[in-house]
Amino acid sequence: MHMKHISLKLVVTITGFIFISSGHSQEGQGLFQTHCITCHTIGGGKLVGPDLINIEDKQSREWLVSFIKSSQKKIKSGDQAALAIYLEFNKIPMPDQPLTDQQAMAVLDYIASTSKTASSGNAASATSETAPDILAGTSPANIQQGLLLFTGKQRLINCGPSCGACHRVKDDRVFTSGLLAKELTQSFETLGSVGVASILRNPPFPVMKAAFEKHPLTENEVVDLTAYLKSVSDERIYQHPRDYNALFGISGMFVFVLVLTGIYILYFKRKKLAVNHEIFRRQHQTSN
């Protein structure tokens, strides 16, 4: 009876461990698909960020947890490995992830588990961890809508600022645009649809993040803007945008001179001296 009791406890313990591990893995998979899949693959190659297959062979788990929670904090601390990743991937900062240490560990457990499957030669498992292309099924109507949203001719649903307020692109259809942030003509070529969409959904840049924190883009707006930036990248060699700075300067001077001339003509017979000047003059003559 004693041996049977020990065996039963062992079976229950092993079953419980398997159940907990399975639950932890499922939690990690859900978190990965929510927070990571838009920028990373597991065995599918580089995306916006590095491929995460066997990532724990390169860095300790403690380092990875801190990097996941705040990559910028890690970079600012002077960590050379974090800085190297930032420089390698086009200086695009990884957004801080609102995860607890336990949740970050669950994600790493899932990555480790999937890495073993991918490393064993199961290519289907590796490529399945890639986000779908959001531009599948889009049309020229999406591009046109994206143009209107980019330039601000159509307001964003949640009242966020238009992209053209800060960014510029090489597009003959855009008359004027901002110079406060990065030029976006080749952004799609660099990041792809997944990368562009990821930044639009969850901006990693401090100013952009603050601007859209309370005014997020809708999923349709993300698709339309991504489609537009793809068209800009594809058509950039055919664009010949003009620099209107000199024209604006000349036009401004012309309008200034025109206004001054109009004022001079309209008010040519205006009273040029003070109202009481004639009274003072007459009094002065009388006293003499």
C-alpha atoms as a PDB file:
ATOM      1  CA  MET A   1       0.000   0.000   0.000  1.00  0.00           C
ATOM      2  CA  HIS A   2       2.853   2.294   0.805  1.00  0.00           C
ATOM      3  CA  MET A   3       4.418   1.826  -2.660  1.00  0.00           C
ATOM      4  CA  LYS A   4       1.042   2.342  -4.337  1.00  0.00           C
ATOM      5  CA  HIS A   5       0.590   5.598  -2.413  1.00  0.00           C
ATOM      6  CA  ILE A   6       4.016   6.852  -3.520  1.00  0.00           C
ATOM      7  CA  SER A   7       3.301   5.887  -7.135  1.00  0.00           C
ATOM      8  CA  LEU A   8      -0.026   7.705  -7.050  1.00  0.00           C
ATOM      9  CA  LYS A   9       1.600  10.865  -5.678  1.00  0.00           C
ATOM     10  CA  LEU A  10       4.278  10.657  -8.373  1.00  0.00           C
ATOM     11  CA  VAL A  11       1.682  10.338 -11.134  1.00  0.00           C
ATOM     12  CA  VAL A  12      -0.308  13.271  -9.743  1.00  0.00           C
ATOM     13  CA  THR A  13       2.843  15.388  -9.451  1.00  0.00           C
ATOM     14  CA  ILE A  14       3.965  14.638 -13.014  1.00  0.00           C
ATOM     15  CA  THR A  15       0.463  15.251 -14.370  1.00  0.00           C
ATOM     16  CA  GLY A  16       0.259  18.547 -12.509  1.00  0.00           C
ATOM     17  CA  PHE A  17       3.657  19.612 -13.797  1.00  0.00           C
ATOM     18  CA  ILE A  18       2.647  18.817 -17.378  1.00  0.00           C
ATOM     19  CA  PHE A  19      -0.628  20.731 -16.916  1.00  0.00           C
ATOM     20  CA  ILE A  20       1.143  23.792 -15.487  1.00  0.00           C
ATOM     21  CA  SER A  21       3.811  23.734 -18.203  1.00  0.00           C
ATOM     22  CA  SER A  22       1.145  23.461 -20.880  1.00  0.00           C
ATOM     23  CA  GLY A  23      -0.765  26.390 -19.398  1.00  0.00           C
ATOM     24  CA  HIS A  24       2.421  28.452 -19.116  1.00  0.00           C
ATOM     25  CA  SER A  25       3.282  27.672 -22.737  1.00  0.00           C
ATOM     26  CA  GLN A  26      -0.188  28.667 -23.916  1.00  0.00           C
ATOM     27  CA  GLU A  27       0.085  31.943 -21.981  1.00  0.00           C
ATOM     28  CA  GLY A  28       3.457  32.604 -23.618  1.00  0.00           C
ATOM     29  CA  GLN A  29       2.033  31.859 -27.077  1.00  0.00           C
ATOM     30  CA  GLY A  30      -0.836  34.272 -26.538  1.00  0.00           C
ATOM     31  CA  LEU A  31       1.511  37.004 -25.303  1.00  0.00           C
ATOM     32  CA  PHE A  32       3.901  36.390 -28.198  1.00  0.00           C
ATOM     33  CA  GLN A  33       1.112  36.714 -30.748  1.00  0.00           C
ATOM     34  CA  THR A  34      -0.138  39.899 -29.072  1.00  0.00           C
ATOM     35  CA  HIS A  35       3.144  41.706 -28.447  1.00  0.00           C
ATOM     36  CA  CYS A  36       5.890  40.125 -30.574  1.00  0.00           C
ATOM     37  CA  ILE A  37       4.673  38.558 -33.789  1.00  0.00           C
ATOM     38  CA  THR A  38       4.422  41.823 -35.755  1.00  0.00           C
ATOM     39  CA  CYS A  39       8.187  42.365 -35.516  1.00  0.00           C
ATOM     40  CA  HIS A  40       9.759  38.968 -34.790  1.00  0.00           C
ATOM     41  CA  THR A  41       9.765  35.388 -36.057  1.00  0.00           C
ATOM     42  CA  ILE A  42      10.960  32.160 -34.467  1.00  0.00           C
ATOM     43  CA  GLY A  43      13.028  30.499 -37.151  1.00  0.00           C
ATOM     44  CA  GLY A  44      11.472  32.490 -39.986  1.00  0.00           C
ATOM     45  CA  GLY A  45      14.307  35.003 -40.490  1.00  0.00           C
ATOM     46  CA  LYS A  46      14.694  38.687 -39.699  1.00  0.00           C
ATOM     47  CA  LEU A  47      11.646  40.900 -39.795  1.00  0.00           C
ATOM     48  CA  VAL A  48      11.501  44.375 -38.249  1.00  0.00           C
ATOM     49  CA  GLY A  49      13.519  42.938 -35.377  1.00  0.00           C
ATOM     50  CA  PRO A  50      15.800  39.904 -35.039  1.00  0.00           C
ATOM     51  CA  ASP A  51      14.741  36.284 -35.443  1.00  0.00           C
ATOM     52  CA  LEU A  52      14.234  34.929 -31.918  1.00  0.00           C
ATOM     53  CA  ILE A  53      15.106  31.283 -32.506  1.00  0.00           C
ATOM     54  CA  ASN A  54      17.387  30.033 -29.701  1.00  0.00           C
ATOM     55  CA  ILE A  55      17.654  33.589 -28.379  1.00  0.00           C
ATOM     56  CA  GLU A  56      18.732  32.342 -24.958  1.00  0.00           C
ATOM     57  CA  ASP A  57      21.914  30.978 -26.520  1.00  0.00           C
ATOM     58  CA  LYS A  58      22.925  34.608 -27.106  1.00  0.00           C
ATOM     59  CA  GLN A  59      21.761  36.367 -23.931  1.00  0.00           C
ATOM     60  CA  SER A  60      20.831  35.391 -20.401  1.00  0.00           C
ATOM     61  CA  ARG A  61      17.186  35.166 -19.421  1.00  0.00           C
ATOM     62  CA  GLU A  62      17.594  38.015 -16.941  1.00  0.00           C
ATOM     63  CA  TRP A  63      19.004  40.276 -19.690  1.00  0.00           C
ATOM     64  CA  LEU A  64      16.205  39.321 -22.072  1.00  0.00           C
ATOM     65  CA  VAL A  65      13.463  40.044 -19.526  1.00  0.00           C
ATOM     66  CA  SER A  66      14.840  43.532 -18.857  1.00  0.00           C
ATOM     67  CA  PHE A  67      15.264  44.206 -22.594  1.00  0.00           C
ATOM     68  CA  ILE A  68      11.705  43.077 -23.359  1.00  0.00           C
ATOM     69  CA  LYS A  69      10.271  45.368 -20.692  1.00  0.00           C
ATOM     70  CA  SER A  70      12.299  48.446 -21.766  1.00  0.00           C
ATOM     71  CA  SER A  71      14.861  48.252 -24.555  1.00  0.00           C
ATOM     72  CA  GLN A  72      15.496  52.005 -24.442  1.00  0.00           C
ATOM     73  CA  LYS A  73      16.300  51.909 -20.754  1.00  0.00           C
ATOM     74  CA  LYS A  74      18.774  49.131 -21.507  1.00  0.00           C
ATOM     75  CA  ILE A  75      20.380  51.164 -24.306  1.00  0.00           C
ATOM     76  CA  LYS A  76      20.598  54.329 -22.200  1.00  0.00           C
ATOM     77  CA  SER A  77      22.329  52.358 -19.450  1.00  0.00           C
ATOM     78  CA  GLY A  78      25.244  51.867 -21.856  1.00  0.00           C
ATOM     79  CA  ASP A  79      24.609  48.174 -22.582  1.00  0.00           C
ATOM     80  CA  GLN A  80      26.618  47.458 -25.745  1.00  0.00           C
ATOM     81  CA  ALA A  81      24.577  44.415 -26.793  1.00  0.00           C
ATOM     82  CA  ALA A  82      21.334  46.419 -26.647  1.00  0.00           C
ATOM     83  CA  LEU A  83      22.951  49.273 -28.567  1.00  0.00           C
ATOM     84  CA  ALA A  84      24.222  46.876 -31.250  1.00  0.00           C
ATOM     85  CA  ILE A  85      20.693  45.535 -31.844  1.00  0.00           C
ATOM     86  CA  TYR A  86      19.341  49.088 -32.067  1.00  0.00           C
ATOM     87  CA  LEU A  87      21.957  50.066 -34.671  1.00  0.00           C
ATOM     88  CA  GLU A  88      21.606  46.852 -36.676  1.00  0.00           C
ATOM     89  CA  PHE A  89      17.869  47.247 -37.108  1.00  0.00           C
ATOM     90  CA  ASN A  90      17.741  50.760 -38.571  1.00  0.00           C
ATOM     91  CA  LYS A  91      17.693  52.544 -35.187  1.00  0.00           C
ATOM     92  CA  ILE A  92      14.053  51.586 -34.709  1.00  0.00           C
ATOM     93  CA  PRO A  93      13.514  51.322 -30.945  1.00  0.00           C
ATOM     94  CA  MET A  94      11.588  48.354 -29.657  1.00  0.00           C
ATOM     95  CA  PRO A  95       8.529  49.666 -27.774  1.00  0.00           C
ATOM     96  CA  ASP A  96       8.442  49.089 -24.027  1.00  0.00           C
ATOM     97  CA  GLN A  97       6.243  46.078 -23.325  1.00  0.00           C
ATOM     98  CA  PRO A  98       3.684  46.258 -20.479  1.00  0.00           C
ATOM     99  CA  LEU A  99       4.582  42.775 -19.193  1.00  0.00           C
ATOM    100  CA  THR A 100       5.404  41.510 -15.738  1.00  0.00           C
ATOM    101  CA  ASP A 101       8.562  39.477 -15.171  1.00  0.00           C
ATOM    102  CA  GLN A 102       6.429  36.323 -15.062  1.00  0.00           C
ATOM    103  CA  GLN A 103       4.752  37.156 -18.379  1.00  0.00           C
ATOM    104  CA  ALA A 104       8.100  37.897 -20.027  1.00  0.00           C
ATOM    105  CA  MET A 105       9.359  34.541 -18.726  1.00  0.00           C
ATOM    106  CA  ALA A 106       6.302  32.831 -20.216  1.00  0.00           C
ATOM    107  CA  VAL A 107       7.106  34.393 -23.605  1.00  0.00           C
ATOM    108  CA  LEU A 108      10.696  33.171 -23.348  1.00  0.00           C
ATOM    109  CA  ASP A 109       9.475  29.681 -22.428  1.00  0.00           C
ATOM    110  CA  TYR A 110       7.307  29.684 -25.536  1.00  0.00           C
ATOM    111  CA  ILE A 111      10.192  30.896 -27.717  1.00  0.00           C
ATOM    112  CA  ALA A 112      12.462  28.185 -26.281  1.00  0.00           C
ATOM    113  CA  SER A 113       9.838  25.497 -26.907  1.00  0.00           C
ATOM    114  CA  THR A 114       9.181  26.662 -30.472  1.00  0.00           C
ATOM    115  CA  SER A 115      12.914  26.996 -31.125  1.00  0.00           C
ATOM    116  CA  LYS A 116      13.410  23.303 -30.357  1.00  0.00           C
ATOM    117  CA  THR A 117      10.697  22.380 -32.845  1.00  0.00           C
ATOM    118  CA  ALA A 118      12.110  24.718 -35.507  1.00  0.00           C
ATOM    119  CA  SER A 119      15.677  23.499 -34.944  1.00  0.00           C
ATOM    120  CA  SER A 120      14.546  19.900 -35.409  1.00  0.00           C
ATOM    121  CA  GLY A 121      13.734  20.696 -39.033  1.00  0.00           C
ATOM    122  CA  ASN A 122      10.020  21.374 -38.768  1.00  0.00           C
ATOM    123  CA  ALA A 123       9.959  24.377 -41.148  1.00  0.00           C
ATOM    124  CA  ALA A 124       6.177  24.625 -41.004  1.00  0.00           C
ATOM    125  CA  SER A 125       6.356  25.396 -37.307  1.00  0.00           C
ATOM    126  CA  ALA A 126       8.912  28.125 -37.851  1.00  0.00           C
ATOM    127  CA  THR A 127       7.159  29.916 -40.696  1.00  0.00           C
ATOM    128  CA  SER A 128       3.808  29.721 -38.921  1.00  0.00           C
ATOM    129  CA  GLU A 129       5.107  32.309 -36.435  1.00  0.00           C
ATOM    130  CA  THR A 130       5.006  35.113 -39.003  1.00  0.00           C
ATOM    131  CA  ALA A 131       2.310  37.766 -39.015  1.00  0.00           C
ATOM    132  CA  PRO A 132       0.029  37.770 -42.096  1.00  0.00           C
ATOM    133  CA  ASP A 133       0.467  40.453 -44.750  1.00  0.00           C
ATOM    134  CA  ILE A 134      -2.158  43.097 -44.017  1.00  0.00           C
ATOM    135  CA  LEU A 135      -2.010  44.353 -47.617  1.00  0.00           C
ATOM    136  CA  ALA A 136      -3.411  41.129 -49.066  1.00  0.00           C
ATOM    137  CA  GLY A 137      -6.600  42.064 -50.890  1.00  0.00           C
ATOM    138  CA  THR A 138      -6.034  45.832 -50.850  1.00  0.00           C
ATOM    139  CA  SER A 139      -6.805  47.961 -53.915  1.00  0.00           C
ATOM    140  CA  PRO A 140      -6.002  51.422 -55.370  1.00  0.00           C
ATOM    141  CA  ALA A 141      -8.890  52.721 -53.248  1.00  0.00           C
ATOM    142  CA  ASN A 142      -6.855  51.921 -50.127  1.00  0.00           C
ATOM    143  CA  ILE A 143      -3.896  53.837 -51.544  1.00  0.00           C
ATOM    144  CA  GLN A 144      -6.064  56.872 -52.311  1.00  0.00           C
ATOM    145  CA  GLN A 145      -7.581  56.760 -48.843  1.00  0.00           C
ATOM    146  CA  GLY A 146      -4.095  56.496 -47.354  1.00  0.00           C
ATOM    147  CA  LEU A 147      -3.017  59.579 -49.321  1.00  0.00           C
ATOM    148  CA  LEU A 148      -5.922  61.596 -47.902  1.00  0.00           C
ATOM    149  CA  LEU A 149      -5.104  60.455 -44.360  1.00  0.00           C
ATOM    150  CA  PHE A 150      -1.372  61.133 -44.765  1.00  0.00           C
ATOM    151  CA  THR A 151      -1.884  64.678 -46.023  1.00  0.00           C
ATOM    152  CA  GLY A 152      -4.660  65.468 -43.541  1.00  0.00           C
ATOM    153  CA  LYS A 153      -7.280  66.054 -46.234  1.00  0.00           C
ATOM    154  CA  GLN A 154      -9.336  63.475 -44.390  1.00  0.00           C
ATOM    155  CA  ARG A 155      -9.304  63.543 -40.607  1.00  0.00           C
ATOM    156  CA  LEU A 156      -8.332  60.464 -38.605  1.00  0.00           C
ATOM    157  CA  ILE A 157     -11.271  58.903 -36.786  1.00  0.00           C
ATOM    158  CA  ASN A 158      -9.731  59.364 -33.336  1.00  0.00           C
ATOM    159  CA  CYS A 159      -8.546  62.893 -34.190  1.00  0.00           C
ATOM    160  CA  GLY A 160      -4.825  62.161 -34.187  1.00  0.00           C
ATOM    161  CA  PRO A 161      -2.398  64.368 -36.171  1.00  0.00           C
ATOM    162  CA  SER A 162      -1.853  63.656 -39.839  1.00  0.00           C
ATOM    163  CA  CYS A 163       1.435  62.037 -40.872  1.00  0.00           C
ATOM    164  CA  GLY A 164       2.225  64.942 -43.195  1.00  0.00           C
ATOM    165  CA  ALA A 165       2.383  67.337 -40.254  1.00  0.00           C
ATOM    166  CA  CYS A 166       5.793  65.903 -39.341  1.00  0.00           C
ATOM    167  CA  HIS A 167       6.902  63.668 -42.224  1.00  0.00           C
ATOM    168  CA  ARG A 168       7.510  64.121 -45.915  1.00  0.00           C
ATOM    169  CA  VAL A 169       7.462  61.733 -48.869  1.00  0.00           C
ATOM    170  CA  LYS A 170       8.553  61.913 -52.491  1.00  0.00           C
ATOM    171  CA  ASP A 171       5.143  62.135 -54.134  1.00  0.00           C
ATOM    172  CA  ASP A 172       4.027  64.651 -56.768  1.00  0.00           C
ATOM    173  CA  ARG A 173       0.500  64.521 -55.349  1.00  0.00           C
ATOM    174  CA  VAL A 174       1.643  65.974 -52.027  1.00  0.00           C
ATOM    175  CA  PHE A 175       2.001  69.755 -52.278  1.00  0.00           C
ATOM    176  CA  THR A 176       3.575  70.335 -48.891  1.00  0.00           C
ATOM    177  CA  SER A 177       4.585  68.242 -45.867  1.00  0.00           C
ATOM    178  CA  GLY A 178       6.467  68.401 -42.592  1.00  0.00           C
ATOM    179  CA  LEU A 179      10.186  68.461 -41.897  1.00  0.00           C
ATOM    180  CA  LEU A 180      10.086  67.655 -38.178  1.00  0.00           C
ATOM    181  CA  ALA A 181      10.655  63.896 -38.445  1.00  0.00           C
ATOM    182  CA  LYS A 182      12.085  61.167 -40.672  1.00  0.00           C
ATOM    183  CA  GLU A 183      11.501  61.176 -44.432  1.00  0.00           C
ATOM    184  CA  LEU A 184       9.283  58.174 -45.228  1.00  0.00           C
ATOM    185  CA  THR A 185       9.687  57.549 -48.965  1.00  0.00           C
ATOM    186  CA  GLN A 186      11.645  54.308 -48.489  1.00  0.00           C
ATOM    187  CA  SER A 187      10.177  53.308 -45.143  1.00  0.00           C
ATOM    188  CA  PHE A 188       8.154  50.474 -46.670  1.00  0.00           C
ATOM    189  CA  GLU A 189      11.179  49.090 -48.488  1.00  0.00           C
ATOM    190  CA  THR A 190      13.087  49.038 -45.210  1.00  0.00           C
ATOM    191  CA  LEU A 191      10.361  47.712 -42.897  1.00  0.00           C
ATOM    192  CA  GLY A 192       7.832  45.901 -45.069  1.00  0.00           C
ATOM    193  CA  SER A 193       4.098  45.879 -44.435  1.00  0.00           C
ATOM    194  CA  VAL A 194       4.442  44.146 -41.073  1.00  0.00           C
ATOM    195  CA  GLY A 195       6.997  46.656 -39.798  1.00  0.00           C
ATOM    196  CA  VAL A 196       5.140  49.755 -40.985  1.00  0.00           C
ATOM    197  CA  ALA A 197       1.864  48.492 -39.554  1.00  0.00           C
ATOM    198  CA  SER A 198       3.531  47.622 -36.251  1.00  0.00           C
ATOM    199  CA  ILE A 199       4.892  51.159 -35.843  1.00  0.00           C
ATOM    200  CA  LEU A 200       1.517  52.679 -36.746  1.00  0.00           C
ATOM    201  CA  ARG A 201      -0.277  50.489 -34.217  1.00  0.00           C
ATOM    202  CA  ASN A 202       2.260  50.856 -31.420  1.00  0.00           C
ATOM    203  CA  PRO A 203       4.613  53.813 -32.061  1.00  0.00           C
ATOM    204  CA  PRO A 204       8.077  53.265 -30.529  1.00  0.00           C
ATOM    205  CA  PHE A 205       9.208  56.878 -30.961  1.00  0.00           C
ATOM    206  CA  PRO A 206       8.570  59.146 -27.935  1.00  0.00           C
ATOM    207  CA  VAL A 207       6.976  62.099 -29.792  1.00  0.00           C
ATOM    208  CA  MET A 208       4.852  59.881 -32.020  1.00  0.00           C
ATOM    209  CA  LYS A 209       3.856  57.730 -29.055  1.00  0.00           C
ATOM    210  CA  ALA A 210       2.719  60.794 -27.097  1.00  0.00           C
ATOM    211  CA  ALA A 211       0.788  62.138 -30.105  1.00  0.00           C
ATOM    212  CA  PHE A 212      -1.189  58.922 -30.654  1.00  0.00           C
ATOM    213  CA  GLU A 213      -1.429  57.597 -27.101  1.00  0.00           C
ATOM    214  CA  LYS A 214      -4.962  58.933 -26.695  1.00  0.00           C
ATOM    215  CA  HIS A 215      -5.725  59.037 -30.433  1.00  0.00           C
ATOM    216  CA  PRO A 216      -4.852  55.569 -31.793  1.00  0.00           C
ATOM    217  CA  LEU A 217      -5.256  54.687 -35.435  1.00  0.00           C
ATOM    218  CA  THR A 218      -8.010  52.274 -36.402  1.00  0.00           C
ATOM    219  CA  GLU A 219      -7.082  49.040 -38.151  1.00  0.00           C
ATOM    220  CA  ASN A 220      -8.535  50.327 -41.447  1.00  0.00           C
ATOM    221  CA  GLU A 221      -6.409  53.471 -41.170  1.00  0.00           C
ATOM    222  CA  VAL A 222      -3.318  51.345 -40.519  1.00  0.00           C
ATOM    223  CA  VAL A 223      -4.024  49.315 -43.671  1.00  0.00           C
ATOM    224  CA  ASP A 224      -4.692  52.407 -45.812  1.00  0.00           C
ATOM    225  CA  LEU A 225      -1.557  54.260 -44.651  1.00  0.00           C
ATOM    226  CA  THR A 226       0.584  51.150 -45.119  1.00  0.00           C
ATOM    227  CA  ALA A 227      -0.791  50.688 -48.642  1.00  0.00           C
ATOM    228  CA  TYR A 228      -0.031  54.343 -49.419  1.00  0.00           C
ATOM    229  CA  LEU A 229       3.552  54.134 -48.146  1.00  0.00           C
ATOM    230  CA  LYS A 230       4.068  51.003 -50.248  1.00  0.00           C
ATOM    231  CA  SER A 231       2.885  52.885 -53.342  1.00  0.00           C
ATOM    232  CA  VAL A 232       5.201  55.791 -52.486  1.00  0.00           C
ATOM    233  CA  SER A 233       8.153  53.410 -52.234  1.00  0.00           C
ATOM    234  CA  ASP A 234       7.223  51.594 -55.464  1.00  0.00           C
ATOM    235  CA  GLU A 235       6.680  54.794 -57.477  1.00  0.00           C
ATOM    236  CA  ARG A 236       9.452  57.007 -56.063  1.00  0.00           C
ATOM    237  CA  ILE A 237      11.696  56.845 -59.150  1.00  0.00           C
ATOM    238  CA  TYR A 238       8.882  58.307 -61.272  1.00  0.00           C
ATOM    239  CA  GLN A 239       8.243  61.275 -58.977  1.00  0.00           C
ATOM    240  CA  HIS A 240       9.659  64.755 -59.596  1.00  0.00           C
ATOM    241  CA  PRO A 241       8.516  66.860 -56.663  1.00  0.00           C
ATOM    242  CA  ARG A 242       9.346  70.582 -56.832  1.00  0.00           C
ATOM    243  CA  ASP A 243      10.845  72.733 -54.114  1.00  0.00           C
ATOM    244  CA  TYR A 244       8.376  75.580 -53.565  1.00  0.00           C
ATOM    245  CA  ASN A 245      10.451  77.482 -50.976  1.00  0.00           C
ATOM    246  CA  ALA A 246      11.775  80.043 -53.482  1.00  0.00           C
ATOM    247  CA  LEU A 247       8.319  80.437 -55.033  1.00  0.00           C
ATOM    248  CA  PHE A 248       6.783  81.061 -51.603  1.00  0.00           C
ATOM    249  CA  GLY A 249       9.458  83.682 -50.837  1.00  0.00           C
ATOM    250  CA  ILE A 250       8.953  85.562 -54.110  1.00  0.00           C
ATOM    251  CA  SER A 251       5.176  85.341 -53.792  1.00  0.00           C
ATOM    252  CA  GLY A 252       5.347  86.705 -50.257  1.00  0.00           C
ATOM    253  CA  MET A 253       7.412  89.720 -51.335  1.00  0.00           C
ATOM    254  CA  PHE A 254       5.062  90.396 -54.265  1.00  0.00           C
ATOM    255  CA  VAL A 255       1.983  90.301 -52.007  1.00  0.00           C
ATOM    256  CA  PHE A 256       3.732  92.567 -49.472  1.00  0.00           C
ATOM    257  CA  VAL A 257       4.527  95.194 -52.119  1.00  0.00           C
ATOM    258  CA  LEU A 258       1.019  94.891 -53.572  1.00  0.00           C
ATOM    259  CA  VAL A 259      -0.586  95.500 -50.166  1.00  0.00           C
ATOM    260  CA  LEU A 260       1.622  98.542 -49.487  1.00  0.00           C
ATOM    261  CA  THR A 261       0.800  99.991 -52.920  1.00  0.00           C
ATOM    262  CA  GLY A 262      -2.920  99.454 -52.365  1.00  0.00           C
ATOM    263  CA  ILE A 263      -2.749 101.189 -48.979  1.00  0.00           C
ATOM    264  CA  TYR A 264      -0.885 104.150 -50.509  1.00  0.00           C
ATOM    265  CA  ILE A 265      -3.448 104.537 -53.346  1.00  0.00           C
ATOM    266  CA  LEU A 266      -6.540 104.115 -51.185  1.00  0.00           C
ATOM    267  CA  TYR A 267      -5.327 106.470 -48.477  1.00  0.00           C
ATOM    268  CA  PHE A 268      -3.507 109.012 -50.689  1.00  0.00           C
ATOM    269  CA  LYS A 269      -5.747 111.903 -49.505  1.00  0.00           C
ATOM    270  CA  ARG A 270      -5.707 110.836 -45.883  1.00  0.00           C
ATOM    271  CA  LYS A 271      -5.013 113.464 -43.206  1.00  0.00           C
ATOM    272  CA  LYS A 272      -1.283 113.324 -42.730  1.00  0.00           C
ATOM    273  CA  LEU A 273      -1.033 115.539 -39.632  1.00  0.00           C
ATOM    274  CA  ALA A 274      -2.690 115.527 -36.230  1.00  0.00           C
ATOM    275  CA  VAL A 275      -6.342 116.601 -35.957  1.00  0.00           C
ATOM    276  CA  ASN A 276      -5.505 119.653 -33.817  1.00  0.00           C
ATOM    277  CA  HIS A 277      -2.598 120.784 -36.009  1.00  0.00           C
ATOM    278  CA  GLU A 278      -4.666 123.390 -37.934  1.00  0.00           C
ATOM    279  CA  ILE A 279      -6.146 124.807 -34.712  1.00  0.00           C
ATOM    280  CA  PHE A 280      -2.682 125.166 -33.220  1.00  0.00           C
ATOM    281  CA  ARG A 281      -1.374 126.802 -36.420  1.00  0.00           C
ATOM    282  CA  ARG A 282      -4.175 129.389 -36.531  1.00  0.00           C
ATOM    283  CA  GLN A 283      -3.717 130.233 -32.875  1.00  0.00           C
ATOM    284  CA  HIS A 284      -0.016 130.605 -33.397  1.00  0.00           C
ATOM    285  CA  GLN A 285      -0.551 133.023 -36.359  1.00  0.00           C
ATOM    286  CA  THR A 286      -3.123 135.085 -34.370  1.00  0.00           C
ATOM    287  CA  SER A 287      -0.775 135.466 -31.443  1.00  0.00           C
ATOM    288  CA  ASN A 288       1.909 136.776 -33.776  1.00  0.00           C
END
